[in-house]
């Protein structure tokens, strides 16, 4: 069943009275933008941001979300809310400053009717709104159309989110209790300062990257673990994934120069670093719930790595190897490798590492032959282990 989402973006931060919680930096974007991406990933087909004042940060967040194909609208009053909220679909309600692990948002998205994410009343849940003697609202709720419009008819100047939640409690809404560990470790939280947002981002984004597509070969066994270690510090430093991706492409292009000057090992090492940066950019995007890059941008760095292999080999064998690796690359990136294990997939990074190893012993030509055999074996494994 389709549903829309309402995100609250009116409360100020503890850092400055002029700042909004919605504008706090979170996972490489504003907090309201991350909430919107969570709702869209859970299945929301329309997102409304309830604001008191339209700030430049909120406006720019809407522009970025719209550019990624997420339908977003700003709502400033109850009249607009009544007009824009669908009358035949549930609403996913997210509290101002609430950050919840994606698994909980998905659970609310999959439910139907009035449902609340709640937390037991403990010291860890103190920032949340109390709903009865034993529990507090954990910042996310699913509201039925009937309850939504009954509440809008009598809302007046009351807080929309809290009024809807209290009405849902009175109607006996189903409750999903968040584990205490999620509160203690920051996977369910209300943030009202940049310091809190930075701490919560580490916990929530680490739990959310399980959806990142698994690569094969050296990308899986070497580059991905290195990217995992480097991603958290870079996100805390607010380094944009796009800049990391552009740096990867630039370094890969520069690496072709020493290869052309007959310094292949230097160029190969630079290409491996470029592929690591590309993997890091993919992980930063995944942590921020941004869609993976498509088209030329997604394949630019590995294609430049294949060009480097052709330039170093200077033979038809090198060209054939690059073509086979390109086929494996597409199959790996698009999830068409069937049931082949990661070690069975001979990726560009795997070929480059082999070239470095053989080049150190002065047998680069033999390394190209071995790489060709491994590429053929990899394609064979992908074909033979395809799902029926």
Protein backbone atom coordinates (compact mmCIF):
# COMPACT_ATOMS: atom_id res chain seq x y z
CA UNK A 1 0.00 0.00 0.00
CA UNK A 2 1.42 3.40 -1.00
CA UNK A 3 1.87 6.13 1.57
CA UNK A 4 3.16 9.67 1.88
CA UNK A 5 5.41 11.18 4.54
CA UNK A 6 5.27 14.32 6.67
CA UNK A 7 8.53 15.62 8.12
CA UNK A 8 8.56 18.34 10.77
CA UNK A 9 11.16 21.08 10.33
CA UNK A 10 10.40 23.96 12.67
CA UNK A 11 12.26 23.49 15.95
CA UNK A 12 15.48 25.34 16.65
CA UNK A 13 18.78 23.81 17.70
CA UNK A 14 20.57 24.01 21.02
CA UNK A 15 23.58 25.49 19.19
CA UNK A 16 21.88 28.71 18.11
CA UNK A 17 18.30 30.04 18.35
CA UNK A 18 18.46 31.01 14.67
CA UNK A 19 19.31 27.50 13.46
CA UNK A 20 16.85 24.70 12.74
CA UNK A 21 17.29 21.04 13.63
CA UNK A 22 16.33 20.26 10.06
CA UNK A 23 19.40 22.14 8.82
CA UNK A 24 21.93 20.27 10.97
CA UNK A 25 24.60 18.50 8.94
CA UNK A 26 23.98 14.76 8.92
CA UNK A 27 25.68 12.09 6.79
CA UNK A 28 26.90 14.50 4.15
CA UNK A 29 23.63 16.47 3.87
CA UNK A 30 21.05 18.27 5.99
CA UNK A 31 19.15 16.24 8.56
CA UNK A 32 15.79 16.85 6.86
CA UNK A 33 17.26 15.59 3.59
CA UNK A 34 18.41 12.37 5.26
CA UNK A 35 14.96 11.88 6.81
CA UNK A 36 13.37 12.34 3.38
CA UNK A 37 15.68 9.78 1.81
CA UNK A 38 14.84 7.32 4.60
CA UNK A 39 11.12 7.77 3.96
CA UNK A 40 11.57 7.40 0.20
CA UNK A 41 13.62 4.22 0.67
CA UNK A 42 10.86 2.82 2.91
CA UNK A 43 8.35 3.36 0.09
CA UNK A 44 6.93 6.87 0.49
CA UNK A 45 5.86 8.22 -2.89
CA UNK A 46 5.36 11.80 -1.74
CA UNK A 47 7.11 13.76 1.00
CA UNK A 48 5.82 16.93 2.65
CA UNK A 49 8.08 19.05 4.84
CA UNK A 50 6.14 21.05 7.43
CA UNK A 51 8.01 24.31 8.04
CA UNK A 52 7.33 27.58 9.80
CA UNK A 53 9.97 29.47 7.82
CA UNK A 54 11.52 28.45 4.50
CA UNK A 55 15.27 28.84 5.01
CA UNK A 56 17.91 28.64 2.24
CA UNK A 57 19.21 25.34 3.66
CA UNK A 58 15.77 23.72 3.55
CA UNK A 59 15.12 25.08 0.07
CA UNK A 60 18.44 23.72 -1.21
CA UNK A 61 17.69 20.34 0.37
CA UNK A 62 14.40 20.21 -1.53
CA UNK A 63 16.23 21.01 -4.77
CA UNK A 64 18.72 18.17 -4.21
CA UNK A 65 15.96 15.70 -3.35
CA UNK A 66 13.98 16.70 -6.44
CA UNK A 67 17.09 16.27 -8.59
CA UNK A 68 17.28 12.66 -7.34
CA UNK A 69 13.68 12.01 -8.35
CA UNK A 70 12.12 12.27 -4.86
CA UNK A 71 8.79 14.13 -4.87
CA UNK A 72 9.01 16.81 -2.16
CA UNK A 73 6.77 19.73 -1.23
CA UNK A 74 7.07 22.42 1.43
CA UNK A 75 3.97 23.03 3.58
CA UNK A 76 3.63 26.13 5.78
CA UNK A 77 0.08 25.95 7.14
CA UNK A 78 -2.77 23.57 7.86
CA UNK A 79 -4.77 24.77 4.86
CA UNK A 80 -2.01 23.60 2.54
CA UNK A 81 -1.69 20.39 4.51
CA UNK A 82 -5.38 19.58 4.08
CA UNK A 83 -5.08 20.27 0.37
CA UNK A 84 -1.90 18.27 -0.25
CA UNK A 85 -2.26 15.19 1.97
CA UNK A 86 -3.72 12.23 0.02
CA UNK A 87 -7.09 11.14 1.37
CA UNK A 88 -6.72 7.48 0.44
CA UNK A 89 -3.25 6.64 1.78
CA UNK A 90 -1.51 6.39 5.14
CA UNK A 91 1.02 8.98 6.26
CA UNK A 92 4.47 8.28 7.71
CA UNK A 93 5.07 10.93 10.37
CA UNK A 94 8.64 11.83 11.41
CA UNK A 95 9.32 14.07 14.39
CA UNK A 96 11.49 17.17 14.21
CA UNK A 97 15.10 16.08 14.71
CA UNK A 98 14.29 12.35 14.87
CA UNK A 99 16.87 9.97 13.44
CA UNK A 100 15.97 6.29 13.42
CA UNK A 101 17.80 3.34 11.88
CA UNK A 102 16.46 2.46 8.44
CA UNK A 103 15.21 -0.94 9.62
CA UNK A 104 12.66 0.75 11.89
CA UNK A 105 11.53 3.13 9.15
CA UNK A 106 11.11 0.16 6.81
CA UNK A 107 9.02 -1.63 9.44
CA UNK A 108 6.65 1.34 9.69
CA UNK A 109 6.56 1.58 5.91
CA UNK A 110 5.52 -2.08 5.63
CA UNK A 111 2.77 -1.82 8.24
CA UNK A 112 -0.77 -0.54 7.68
CA UNK A 113 -2.99 1.60 9.81
CA UNK A 114 -2.09 3.48 12.97
CA UNK A 115 1.32 2.28 14.18
CA UNK A 116 3.82 3.92 16.53
CA UNK A 117 7.50 3.29 17.09
CA UNK A 118 7.91 3.57 20.84
CA UNK A 119 10.61 3.20 23.48
CA UNK A 120 10.31 2.07 27.07
CA UNK A 121 10.53 4.91 29.57
CA UNK A 122 14.15 4.92 30.72
CA UNK A 123 16.91 7.47 31.10
CA UNK A 124 18.01 6.77 27.49
CA UNK A 125 14.55 7.64 26.14
CA UNK A 126 14.20 10.90 28.12
CA UNK A 127 14.50 13.18 25.02
CA UNK A 128 11.39 11.58 23.47
CA UNK A 129 7.79 12.66 24.09
CA UNK A 130 5.96 10.65 26.75
CA UNK A 131 2.75 8.96 25.57
CA UNK A 132 1.81 7.13 28.78
CA UNK A 133 3.28 6.05 32.11
CA UNK A 134 5.53 3.40 30.63
CA UNK A 135 6.50 4.43 27.08
CA UNK A 136 7.58 7.34 24.91
CA UNK A 137 7.15 8.02 21.21
CA UNK A 138 10.42 7.22 19.38
CA UNK A 139 9.92 9.76 16.59
CA UNK A 140 8.26 7.79 13.77
CA UNK A 141 4.59 6.87 13.32
CA UNK A 142 2.24 5.66 10.61
CA UNK A 143 -1.14 7.40 10.60
CA UNK A 144 -4.29 6.30 8.77
CA UNK A 145 -6.15 8.77 6.50
CA UNK A 146 -9.22 8.77 8.79
CA UNK A 147 -7.20 9.73 11.87
CA UNK A 148 -5.17 12.23 9.85
CA UNK A 149 -8.14 14.23 8.60
CA UNK A 150 -10.10 13.96 11.85
CA UNK A 151 -7.10 15.57 13.54
CA UNK A 152 -6.58 18.22 10.85
CA UNK A 153 -10.21 19.30 11.25
CA UNK A 154 -9.60 20.24 14.89
CA UNK A 155 -5.87 20.94 15.00
CA UNK A 156 -6.00 24.74 15.46
CA UNK A 157 -2.61 26.01 16.66
CA UNK A 158 -1.52 22.73 18.26
CA UNK A 159 1.59 20.84 17.32
CA UNK A 160 0.60 18.54 14.45
CA UNK A 161 3.00 15.67 15.21
CA UNK A 162 2.24 15.42 18.92
CA UNK A 163 -1.49 15.83 18.36
CA UNK A 164 -1.52 13.01 15.79
CA UNK A 165 0.52 10.74 18.06
CA UNK A 166 -1.74 11.34 21.07
CA UNK A 167 -4.80 10.76 18.91
CA UNK A 168 -3.25 7.50 17.67
CA UNK A 169 -2.61 6.42 21.26
CA UNK A 170 -6.23 7.11 22.16
CA UNK A 171 -7.32 5.02 19.15
CA UNK A 172 -5.26 2.08 20.38
CA UNK A 173 -2.58 2.24 17.69
CA UNK A 174 -0.30 -0.77 17.32
CA UNK A 175 3.11 -0.23 18.92
CA UNK A 176 6.54 -1.38 17.79
CA UNK A 177 9.05 -1.13 20.64
CA UNK A 178 12.58 -0.13 19.74
CA UNK A 179 15.23 -2.25 21.50
CA UNK A 180 16.97 -0.54 24.38
CA UNK A 181 20.34 -1.13 22.69
CA UNK A 182 19.24 1.04 19.75
CA UNK A 183 18.65 3.95 22.11
CA UNK A 184 21.90 3.45 24.01
CA UNK A 185 23.97 3.14 20.81
CA UNK A 186 22.32 6.06 19.00
CA UNK A 187 20.34 4.20 16.34
CA UNK A 188 17.13 5.79 17.67
CA UNK A 189 17.60 9.39 18.78
CA UNK A 190 16.39 12.99 18.80
CA UNK A 191 19.19 15.39 17.89
CA UNK A 192 19.16 19.12 18.60
CA UNK A 193 22.83 20.04 18.18
CA UNK A 194 25.57 19.43 15.66
CA UNK A 195 27.62 17.45 18.16
CA UNK A 196 24.72 15.07 18.75
CA UNK A 197 24.10 14.79 15.01
CA UNK A 198 27.73 13.78 14.40
CA UNK A 199 27.62 11.09 17.08
CA UNK A 200 24.29 9.65 15.92
CA UNK A 201 25.42 9.66 12.27
CA UNK A 202 28.20 7.21 13.07
CA UNK A 203 25.78 4.68 14.56
CA UNK A 204 22.92 5.07 12.09
CA UNK A 205 24.95 5.15 8.89
CA UNK A 206 27.06 2.16 9.97
CA UNK A 207 23.85 0.16 10.41
CA UNK A 208 22.43 1.36 7.10
CA UNK A 209 25.19 0.42 4.66
CA UNK A 210 24.33 -3.26 4.73
CA UNK A 211 22.42 -2.61 1.52
CA UNK A 212 25.58 -1.59 -0.29
CA UNK A 213 26.10 -3.86 -3.27
CA UNK A 214 28.90 -6.33 -2.75
CA UNK A 215 31.74 -6.21 -5.25
CA UNK A 216 33.81 -9.16 -6.36
CA UNK A 217 37.54 -9.77 -6.44
CA UNK A 218 40.04 -7.44 -4.79
CA UNK A 219 37.30 -4.80 -4.49
CA UNK A 220 35.53 -7.13 -2.06
CA UNK A 221 38.51 -8.40 -0.09
CA UNK A 222 40.77 -5.33 0.03
CA UNK A 223 39.23 -2.09 -1.26
CA UNK A 224 35.85 -2.39 0.50
CA UNK A 225 37.36 -2.97 3.99
CA UNK A 226 39.73 -0.04 3.48
CA UNK A 227 36.85 2.16 2.33
CA UNK A 228 34.86 1.08 5.38
CA UNK A 229 37.63 2.26 7.69
CA UNK A 230 38.08 5.59 5.90
CA UNK A 231 34.42 6.47 5.35
CA UNK A 232 33.50 7.35 8.94
CA UNK A 233 36.29 9.95 9.43
CA UNK A 234 35.55 11.49 6.03
CA UNK A 235 31.86 11.76 6.83
CA UNK A 236 32.65 13.45 10.14
CA UNK A 237 34.82 15.91 8.17
CA UNK A 238 31.83 16.49 5.84
CA UNK A 239 33.77 15.50 2.72
CA UNK A 240 31.26 15.20 -0.17
CA UNK A 241 31.14 11.88 -2.00
CA UNK A 242 31.09 13.72 -5.33
CA UNK A 243 34.46 15.34 -4.63
CA UNK A 244 35.95 11.96 -3.73
CA UNK A 245 34.57 10.49 -6.97
CA UNK A 246 35.97 13.32 -9.07
CA UNK A 247 39.35 12.88 -7.34
CA UNK A 248 39.29 9.18 -8.23
CA UNK A 249 38.64 9.93 -11.90
CA UNK A 250 41.34 12.62 -11.98
CA UNK A 251 43.92 10.36 -10.33
CA UNK A 252 43.09 7.53 -12.74
CA UNK A 253 43.60 9.88 -15.69
CA UNK A 254 46.91 11.12 -14.30
CA UNK A 255 48.04 7.51 -13.75
CA UNK A 256 48.03 6.95 -17.50
CA UNK A 257 50.97 9.35 -17.87
CA UNK A 258 53.63 7.24 -16.08
CA UNK A 259 52.29 4.14 -17.86
CA UNK A 260 52.78 5.86 -21.21
CA UNK A 261 56.29 6.87 -20.06
CA UNK A 262 57.09 3.17 -19.46
CA UNK A 263 56.74 3.32 -15.67
CA UNK A 264 53.87 0.83 -15.50
CA UNK A 265 54.21 -0.13 -11.82
CA UNK A 266 53.85 3.50 -10.71
CA UNK A 267 50.79 3.91 -12.90
CA UNK A 268 49.25 0.64 -11.68
CA UNK A 269 49.66 1.67 -8.04
CA UNK A 270 48.02 5.02 -8.77
CA UNK A 271 45.15 3.24 -10.51
CA UNK A 272 44.62 1.00 -7.48
CA UNK A 273 44.42 4.09 -5.26
CA UNK A 274 41.94 5.63 -7.71
CA UNK A 275 39.76 2.52 -7.54
CA UNK A 276 39.92 2.71 -3.74
CA UNK A 277 38.72 6.32 -3.88
CA UNK A 278 35.86 5.30 -6.18
CA UNK A 279 34.87 2.55 -3.74
CA UNK A 280 35.04 5.10 -0.92
CA UNK A 281 32.76 7.49 -2.83
CA UNK A 282 30.24 4.65 -3.37
CA UNK A 283 30.24 3.92 0.36
CA UNK A 284 29.76 7.58 1.29
CA UNK A 285 26.77 7.72 -1.05
CA UNK A 286 25.35 4.55 0.49
CA UNK A 287 25.79 5.92 4.01
CA UNK A 288 23.90 9.05 2.98
CA UNK A 289 21.13 6.96 1.31
CA UNK A 290 21.86 8.59 -2.03
CA UNK A 291 21.23 6.56 -5.19
CA UNK A 292 24.37 4.99 -6.68
CA UNK A 293 25.87 6.81 -9.67
CA UNK A 294 24.81 5.66 -13.11
CA UNK A 295 26.20 5.92 -16.61
CA UNK A 296 29.68 7.18 -17.41
CA UNK A 297 30.30 8.52 -13.90
CA UNK A 298 29.90 5.06 -12.37
CA UNK A 299 32.33 3.38 -14.78
CA UNK A 300 34.82 6.19 -15.44
CA UNK A 301 37.51 5.11 -12.96
CA UNK A 302 37.52 1.34 -13.74
CA UNK A 303 37.43 2.05 -17.48
CA UNK A 304 40.50 4.28 -17.12
CA UNK A 305 42.13 1.38 -15.24
CA UNK A 306 41.45 -0.86 -18.25
CA UNK A 307 42.94 1.77 -20.55
CA UNK A 308 46.04 1.67 -18.36
CA UNK A 309 46.31 -2.11 -18.82
CA UNK A 310 46.06 -1.68 -22.61
CA UNK A 311 48.76 1.03 -22.61
CA UNK A 312 51.07 -1.08 -20.45
CA UNK A 313 50.59 -4.28 -22.45
CA UNK A 314 50.92 -2.66 -25.89
CA UNK A 315 49.64 -5.85 -27.53
CA UNK A 316 46.42 -7.41 -28.86
CA UNK A 317 46.44 -9.64 -25.77
CA UNK A 318 46.15 -6.58 -23.52
CA UNK A 319 43.23 -5.27 -25.59
CA UNK A 320 41.45 -8.63 -25.38
CA UNK A 321 42.05 -8.75 -21.63
CA UNK A 322 40.61 -5.25 -21.19
CA UNK A 323 37.49 -6.22 -23.15
CA UNK A 324 36.93 -9.32 -21.01
CA UNK A 325 37.45 -7.31 -17.84
CA UNK A 326 34.92 -4.75 -19.08
CA UNK A 327 32.33 -7.52 -19.47
CA UNK A 328 33.08 -8.81 -15.96
CA UNK A 329 32.93 -5.24 -14.62
CA UNK A 330 29.44 -4.66 -16.02
CA UNK A 331 28.22 -8.03 -14.74
CA UNK A 332 29.64 -7.33 -11.28
CA UNK A 333 28.31 -3.77 -11.00
CA UNK A 334 24.84 -4.63 -12.30
CA UNK A 335 24.38 -7.73 -10.16
CA UNK A 336 24.54 -10.15 -13.09
CA UNK A 337 27.29 -12.36 -11.71
CA UNK A 338 24.79 -15.05 -10.72
CA UNK A 339 25.90 -17.15 -7.77
CA UNK A 340 29.60 -16.70 -8.43
CA UNK A 341 31.53 -16.16 -5.18
CA UNK A 342 33.50 -12.89 -4.80
CA UNK A 343 36.81 -14.72 -5.24
CA UNK A 344 35.60 -16.09 -8.59
CA UNK A 345 35.12 -12.61 -10.05
CA UNK A 346 38.27 -11.26 -11.69
CA UNK A 347 37.82 -7.50 -11.53
CA UNK A 348 39.99 -4.64 -12.86
CA UNK A 349 41.53 -4.14 -9.41
CA UNK A 350 42.36 -7.86 -9.27
CA UNK A 351 44.09 -7.59 -12.64
CA UNK A 352 46.03 -4.51 -11.56
CA UNK A 353 47.27 -6.22 -8.40
CA UNK A 354 48.41 -9.19 -10.48
CA UNK A 355 50.18 -6.80 -12.89
CA UNK A 356 52.00 -5.15 -9.99
CA UNK A 357 53.10 -8.52 -8.58
CA UNK A 358 54.39 -9.83 -11.91
CA UNK A 359 55.92 -6.47 -12.85
CA UNK A 360 58.04 -6.49 -9.69
CA UNK A 361 59.68 -9.69 -10.95
CA UNK A 362 60.03 -8.39 -14.49
CA UNK A 363 57.53 -10.83 -16.02
CA UNK A 364 54.72 -8.43 -16.93
CA UNK A 365 54.06 -10.19 -20.25
CA UNK A 366 53.50 -13.50 -18.46
CA UNK A 367 51.26 -11.67 -16.00
CA UNK A 368 49.05 -10.56 -18.88
CA UNK A 369 48.70 -14.19 -20.01
CA UNK A 370 47.78 -15.35 -16.52
CA UNK A 371 45.30 -12.47 -16.21
CA UNK A 372 43.69 -13.51 -19.49
CA UNK A 373 43.25 -17.09 -18.25
CA UNK A 374 41.78 -15.85 -14.96
CA UNK A 375 39.37 -13.53 -16.80
CA UNK A 376 38.18 -16.44 -18.98
CA UNK A 377 37.76 -18.62 -15.89
CA UNK A 378 35.81 -15.81 -14.17
CA UNK A 379 33.39 -15.45 -17.08
CA UNK A 380 32.99 -19.22 -17.09
CA UNK A 381 32.13 -19.19 -13.38
CA UNK A 382 29.57 -16.42 -13.88
CA UNK A 383 27.90 -18.32 -16.74
CA UNK A 384 27.96 -21.78 -15.17
CA UNK A 385 26.78 -20.62 -11.77
CA UNK A 386 23.85 -18.54 -13.02
CA UNK A 387 20.60 -18.94 -11.14
CA UNK A 388 18.14 -21.27 -12.82
